[in-house]
Amino acid sequence: MSERDYKMAASLDEVPLGKTKSVTIDGQTILLCNSDGQIHAIAALCSHADEPLACGRIRLGWIACPAHGARFDLETGAPLTGPASEPIATYPVRIVDDMIEVAI
């Protein structure tokens, strides 16, 4: 992807280990997740019932929907457990000078 495809999302210190941060980029709400020191950018809503994932539990590369417990792989967006059966969107991330940039 070219330089212009990446948009500034947040600083690294805004997404502490095991936490999330919702950001809006080009009118799209994206959820930044810090799993074991790696930053991921995913769709902000669960694919099962459009529930927010922002308060979901993050562990070992997955996030759990706080509403129904569905787990999603943070790298691929694939559902790991039900009731979700559809993946969620994931977005490329890069870190530049302690700033998180996301390509949409």
N, C-alpha and C. Protein backbone atom coordinates (compact mmCIF):
# COMPACT_ATOMS: atom_id res chain seq x y z
N MET A 1 0.84 -1.19 0.00
CA MET A 1 0.00 0.00 0.00
C MET A 1 0.88 1.24 0.00
N SER A 2 0.39 2.28 -0.60
CA SER A 2 1.17 3.50 -0.67
C SER A 2 1.00 4.31 0.61
N GLU A 3 1.82 5.33 0.73
CA GLU A 3 1.80 6.20 1.91
C GLU A 3 0.41 6.79 2.16
N ARG A 4 -0.26 7.21 1.14
CA ARG A 4 -1.55 7.89 1.32
C ARG A 4 -2.68 6.96 1.76
N ASP A 5 -2.47 5.65 1.66
CA ASP A 5 -3.50 4.71 2.09
C ASP A 5 -3.60 4.59 3.61
N TYR A 6 -2.53 4.92 4.31
CA TYR A 6 -2.51 4.81 5.77
C TYR A 6 -2.95 6.12 6.40
N LYS A 7 -3.78 6.01 7.43
CA LYS A 7 -4.28 7.18 8.14
C LYS A 7 -3.88 7.10 9.61
N MET A 8 -3.53 8.23 10.18
CA MET A 8 -3.19 8.30 11.60
C MET A 8 -4.42 7.92 12.43
N ALA A 9 -4.22 7.00 13.38
CA ALA A 9 -5.35 6.53 14.19
C ALA A 9 -5.22 6.94 15.65
N ALA A 10 -4.04 6.74 16.23
CA ALA A 10 -3.84 7.04 17.67
C ALA A 10 -2.36 6.89 17.98
N SER A 11 -1.98 7.33 19.16
CA SER A 11 -0.60 7.08 19.61
C SER A 11 -0.57 5.73 20.32
N LEU A 12 0.60 5.12 20.35
CA LEU A 12 0.74 3.81 21.00
C LEU A 12 0.29 3.83 22.45
N ASP A 13 0.57 4.92 23.16
CA ASP A 13 0.23 4.96 24.59
C ASP A 13 -1.28 5.09 24.83
N GLU A 14 -2.07 5.33 23.78
CA GLU A 14 -3.52 5.38 23.91
C GLU A 14 -4.17 4.00 23.89
N VAL A 15 -3.37 2.97 23.57
CA VAL A 15 -3.90 1.60 23.49
C VAL A 15 -3.00 0.70 24.35
N PRO A 16 -3.21 0.72 25.67
CA PRO A 16 -2.37 -0.08 26.56
C PRO A 16 -2.57 -1.58 26.35
N LEU A 17 -1.64 -2.34 26.85
CA LEU A 17 -1.68 -3.80 26.74
C LEU A 17 -3.01 -4.36 27.23
N GLY A 18 -3.65 -5.19 26.41
CA GLY A 18 -4.91 -5.82 26.76
C GLY A 18 -6.13 -4.93 26.65
N LYS A 19 -5.98 -3.75 26.06
CA LYS A 19 -7.08 -2.78 25.96
C LYS A 19 -7.42 -2.49 24.50
N THR A 20 -8.52 -1.76 24.32
CA THR A 20 -8.97 -1.34 23.00
C THR A 20 -9.18 0.16 22.97
N LYS A 21 -9.26 0.69 21.76
CA LYS A 21 -9.62 2.10 21.57
C LYS A 21 -10.39 2.20 20.26
N SER A 22 -11.56 2.79 20.31
CA SER A 22 -12.35 3.04 19.11
C SER A 22 -11.88 4.34 18.47
N VAL A 23 -11.72 4.30 17.16
CA VAL A 23 -11.34 5.49 16.40
C VAL A 23 -12.21 5.54 15.15
N THR A 24 -12.40 6.73 14.63
CA THR A 24 -13.13 6.90 13.38
C THR A 24 -12.17 7.40 12.32
N ILE A 25 -12.09 6.65 11.23
CA ILE A 25 -11.21 7.01 10.11
C ILE A 25 -12.06 7.04 8.85
N ASP A 26 -12.07 8.17 8.19
CA ASP A 26 -12.86 8.33 6.96
C ASP A 26 -14.30 7.88 7.16
N GLY A 27 -14.89 8.21 8.31
CA GLY A 27 -16.28 7.90 8.59
C GLY A 27 -16.53 6.47 9.03
N GLN A 28 -15.48 5.68 9.18
CA GLN A 28 -15.61 4.27 9.57
C GLN A 28 -15.06 4.08 10.98
N THR A 29 -15.85 3.42 11.84
CA THR A 29 -15.38 3.15 13.20
C THR A 29 -14.55 1.88 13.19
N ILE A 30 -13.34 2.02 13.69
CA ILE A 30 -12.35 0.94 13.74
C ILE A 30 -11.98 0.74 15.20
N LEU A 31 -11.74 -0.51 15.58
CA LEU A 31 -11.31 -0.81 16.94
C LEU A 31 -9.84 -1.21 16.92
N LEU A 32 -9.03 -0.44 17.66
CA LEU A 32 -7.62 -0.78 17.83
C LEU A 32 -7.51 -1.67 19.06
N CYS A 33 -6.75 -2.75 18.95
CA CYS A 33 -6.60 -3.72 20.04
C CYS A 33 -5.12 -3.98 20.28
N ASN A 34 -4.73 -4.01 21.55
CA ASN A 34 -3.36 -4.34 21.91
C ASN A 34 -3.35 -5.73 22.55
N SER A 35 -2.92 -6.71 21.78
CA SER A 35 -2.84 -8.09 22.25
C SER A 35 -1.38 -8.47 22.38
N ASP A 36 -0.92 -8.64 23.61
CA ASP A 36 0.47 -9.04 23.86
C ASP A 36 1.48 -8.11 23.20
N GLY A 37 1.16 -6.82 23.16
CA GLY A 37 2.07 -5.83 22.61
C GLY A 37 1.96 -5.63 21.11
N GLN A 38 1.11 -6.38 20.46
CA GLN A 38 0.88 -6.22 19.02
C GLN A 38 -0.45 -5.49 18.81
N ILE A 39 -0.39 -4.46 17.96
CA ILE A 39 -1.59 -3.67 17.68
C ILE A 39 -2.31 -4.25 16.47
N HIS A 40 -3.62 -4.42 16.61
CA HIS A 40 -4.48 -4.90 15.53
C HIS A 40 -5.59 -3.88 15.32
N ALA A 41 -6.09 -3.80 14.09
CA ALA A 41 -7.23 -2.94 13.77
C ALA A 41 -8.32 -3.83 13.18
N ILE A 42 -9.51 -3.78 13.80
CA ILE A 42 -10.62 -4.64 13.39
C ILE A 42 -11.91 -3.83 13.31
N ALA A 43 -12.93 -4.46 12.73
CA ALA A 43 -14.27 -3.87 12.73
C ALA A 43 -14.70 -3.67 14.19
N ALA A 44 -15.44 -2.63 14.45
CA ALA A 44 -15.83 -2.29 15.82
C ALA A 44 -17.04 -3.09 16.32
N LEU A 45 -17.74 -3.77 15.40
CA LEU A 45 -18.96 -4.49 15.78
C LEU A 45 -18.82 -5.99 15.51
N CYS A 46 -19.42 -6.77 16.38
CA CYS A 46 -19.49 -8.22 16.23
C CYS A 46 -20.32 -8.55 14.98
N SER A 47 -19.91 -9.57 14.24
CA SER A 47 -20.65 -9.96 13.04
C SER A 47 -21.93 -10.73 13.36
N HIS A 48 -22.09 -11.16 14.60
CA HIS A 48 -23.27 -11.93 14.99
C HIS A 48 -24.51 -11.06 15.16
N ALA A 49 -24.37 -9.99 15.94
CA ALA A 49 -25.55 -9.16 16.23
C ALA A 49 -25.23 -7.67 16.26
N ASP A 50 -24.14 -7.27 15.58
CA ASP A 50 -23.73 -5.87 15.53
C ASP A 50 -23.53 -5.25 16.92
N GLU A 51 -23.08 -6.06 17.86
CA GLU A 51 -22.78 -5.56 19.20
C GLU A 51 -21.36 -4.98 19.23
N PRO A 52 -21.13 -3.89 19.99
CA PRO A 52 -19.79 -3.31 20.08
C PRO A 52 -18.80 -4.28 20.72
N LEU A 53 -17.60 -4.34 20.13
CA LEU A 53 -16.53 -5.19 20.67
C LEU A 53 -15.59 -4.43 21.60
N ALA A 54 -15.81 -3.12 21.76
CA ALA A 54 -14.88 -2.27 22.50
C ALA A 54 -14.59 -2.73 23.92
N CYS A 55 -15.53 -3.33 24.60
CA CYS A 55 -15.31 -3.79 25.97
C CYS A 55 -15.00 -5.29 26.02
N GLY A 56 -14.71 -5.85 24.86
CA GLY A 56 -14.42 -7.29 24.80
C GLY A 56 -13.10 -7.65 25.45
N ARG A 57 -13.02 -8.88 25.92
CA ARG A 57 -11.81 -9.40 26.55
C ARG A 57 -10.81 -9.79 25.46
N ILE A 58 -9.56 -9.37 25.62
CA ILE A 58 -8.50 -9.69 24.67
C ILE A 58 -7.54 -10.67 25.33
N ARG A 59 -7.29 -11.78 24.62
CA ARG A 59 -6.36 -12.79 25.11
C ARG A 59 -5.68 -13.46 23.93
N LEU A 60 -4.39 -13.64 24.00
CA LEU A 60 -3.63 -14.49 23.07
C LEU A 60 -4.08 -14.40 21.61
N GLY A 61 -4.26 -13.19 21.11
CA GLY A 61 -4.57 -13.01 19.70
C GLY A 61 -6.04 -13.07 19.34
N TRP A 62 -6.94 -13.06 20.32
CA TRP A 62 -8.37 -13.04 20.02
C TRP A 62 -9.09 -12.03 20.90
N ILE A 63 -10.27 -11.65 20.45
CA ILE A 63 -11.14 -10.77 21.24
C ILE A 63 -12.49 -11.46 21.37
N ALA A 64 -13.10 -11.35 22.55
CA ALA A 64 -14.42 -11.95 22.79
C ALA A 64 -15.47 -10.86 22.83
N CYS A 65 -16.57 -11.08 22.15
CA CYS A 65 -17.70 -10.15 22.18
C CYS A 65 -18.29 -10.15 23.59
N PRO A 66 -18.43 -8.97 24.21
CA PRO A 66 -18.97 -8.93 25.57
C PRO A 66 -20.45 -9.31 25.64
N ALA A 67 -21.16 -9.26 24.52
CA ALA A 67 -22.59 -9.55 24.54
C ALA A 67 -22.89 -11.05 24.52
N HIS A 68 -22.24 -11.79 23.64
CA HIS A 68 -22.59 -13.20 23.47
C HIS A 68 -21.39 -14.14 23.58
N GLY A 69 -20.18 -13.60 23.75
CA GLY A 69 -19.00 -14.44 23.96
C GLY A 69 -18.32 -14.96 22.71
N ALA A 70 -18.81 -14.61 21.53
CA ALA A 70 -18.14 -15.05 20.30
C ALA A 70 -16.71 -14.51 20.30
N ARG A 71 -15.79 -15.36 19.88
CA ARG A 71 -14.38 -14.95 19.80
C ARG A 71 -13.95 -14.81 18.35
N PHE A 72 -13.11 -13.79 18.11
CA PHE A 72 -12.59 -13.53 16.77
C PHE A 72 -11.08 -13.45 16.81
N ASP A 73 -10.45 -14.03 15.79
CA ASP A 73 -9.00 -13.93 15.62
C ASP A 73 -8.66 -12.49 15.24
N LEU A 74 -7.76 -11.86 15.97
CA LEU A 74 -7.42 -10.46 15.72
C LEU A 74 -6.63 -10.27 14.43
N GLU A 75 -5.94 -11.30 13.99
CA GLU A 75 -5.13 -11.20 12.77
C GLU A 75 -5.98 -11.36 11.51
N THR A 76 -6.89 -12.32 11.53
CA THR A 76 -7.65 -12.65 10.32
C THR A 76 -9.12 -12.21 10.38
N GLY A 77 -9.64 -11.98 11.59
CA GLY A 77 -11.05 -11.66 11.76
C GLY A 77 -11.96 -12.88 11.79
N ALA A 78 -11.39 -14.06 11.62
CA ALA A 78 -12.18 -15.30 11.58
C ALA A 78 -12.85 -15.56 12.92
N PRO A 79 -14.11 -16.04 12.89
CA PRO A 79 -14.76 -16.42 14.15
C PRO A 79 -14.12 -17.70 14.69
N LEU A 80 -13.81 -17.70 15.97
CA LEU A 80 -13.19 -18.88 16.60
C LEU A 80 -14.21 -19.68 17.38
N THR A 81 -15.28 -19.02 17.85
CA THR A 81 -16.36 -19.70 18.57
C THR A 81 -17.69 -19.04 18.18
N GLY A 82 -18.77 -19.77 18.38
CA GLY A 82 -20.10 -19.24 18.13
C GLY A 82 -20.50 -18.30 19.25
N PRO A 83 -21.60 -17.63 19.05
CA PRO A 83 -22.56 -17.85 17.98
C PRO A 83 -22.20 -17.20 16.65
N ALA A 84 -21.13 -16.44 16.57
CA ALA A 84 -20.75 -15.81 15.30
C ALA A 84 -20.28 -16.86 14.30
N SER A 85 -20.67 -16.69 13.05
CA SER A 85 -20.21 -17.59 12.00
C SER A 85 -19.55 -16.83 10.85
N GLU A 86 -19.69 -15.51 10.84
CA GLU A 86 -19.09 -14.67 9.81
C GLU A 86 -17.87 -13.94 10.38
N PRO A 87 -16.83 -13.75 9.57
CA PRO A 87 -15.65 -13.02 10.04
C PRO A 87 -15.95 -11.52 10.18
N ILE A 88 -15.07 -10.84 10.91
CA ILE A 88 -15.11 -9.38 10.98
C ILE A 88 -13.96 -8.85 10.15
N ALA A 89 -14.07 -7.60 9.73
CA ALA A 89 -13.03 -6.99 8.91
C ALA A 89 -11.79 -6.72 9.75
N THR A 90 -10.63 -6.87 9.14
CA THR A 90 -9.36 -6.49 9.75
C THR A 90 -8.68 -5.51 8.80
N TYR A 91 -7.79 -4.69 9.35
CA TYR A 91 -7.14 -3.65 8.57
C TYR A 91 -5.64 -3.66 8.82
N PRO A 92 -4.84 -3.38 7.79
CA PRO A 92 -3.38 -3.32 7.98
C PRO A 92 -3.01 -2.18 8.94
N VAL A 93 -2.01 -2.47 9.78
CA VAL A 93 -1.54 -1.51 10.78
C VAL A 93 -0.03 -1.35 10.63
N ARG A 94 0.44 -0.15 10.84
CA ARG A 94 1.88 0.07 10.95
C ARG A 94 2.11 1.11 12.04
N ILE A 95 3.29 1.06 12.62
CA ILE A 95 3.68 2.01 13.67
C ILE A 95 4.77 2.91 13.10
N VAL A 96 4.55 4.22 13.18
CA VAL A 96 5.52 5.20 12.72
C VAL A 96 5.71 6.22 13.82
N ASP A 97 6.93 6.29 14.38
CA ASP A 97 7.23 7.25 15.44
C ASP A 97 6.22 7.19 16.59
N ASP A 98 5.94 5.99 17.08
CA ASP A 98 5.01 5.74 18.19
C ASP A 98 3.57 6.14 17.88
N MET A 99 3.25 6.27 16.60
CA MET A 99 1.88 6.54 16.19
C MET A 99 1.35 5.33 15.42
N ILE A 100 0.09 4.98 15.69
CA ILE A 100 -0.55 3.86 15.01
C ILE A 100 -1.22 4.40 13.75
N GLU A 101 -0.90 3.80 12.61
CA GLU A 101 -1.53 4.16 11.35
C GLU A 101 -2.26 2.95 10.82
N VAL A 102 -3.44 3.18 10.25
CA VAL A 102 -4.30 2.11 9.75
C VAL A 102 -4.64 2.40 8.29
N ALA A 103 -4.60 1.36 7.46
CA ALA A 103 -5.02 1.48 6.06
C ALA A 103 -6.45 0.97 5.95
N ILE A 104 -7.29 1.77 5.34
CA ILE A 104 -8.70 1.39 5.18
C ILE A 104 -8.95 1.02 3.72
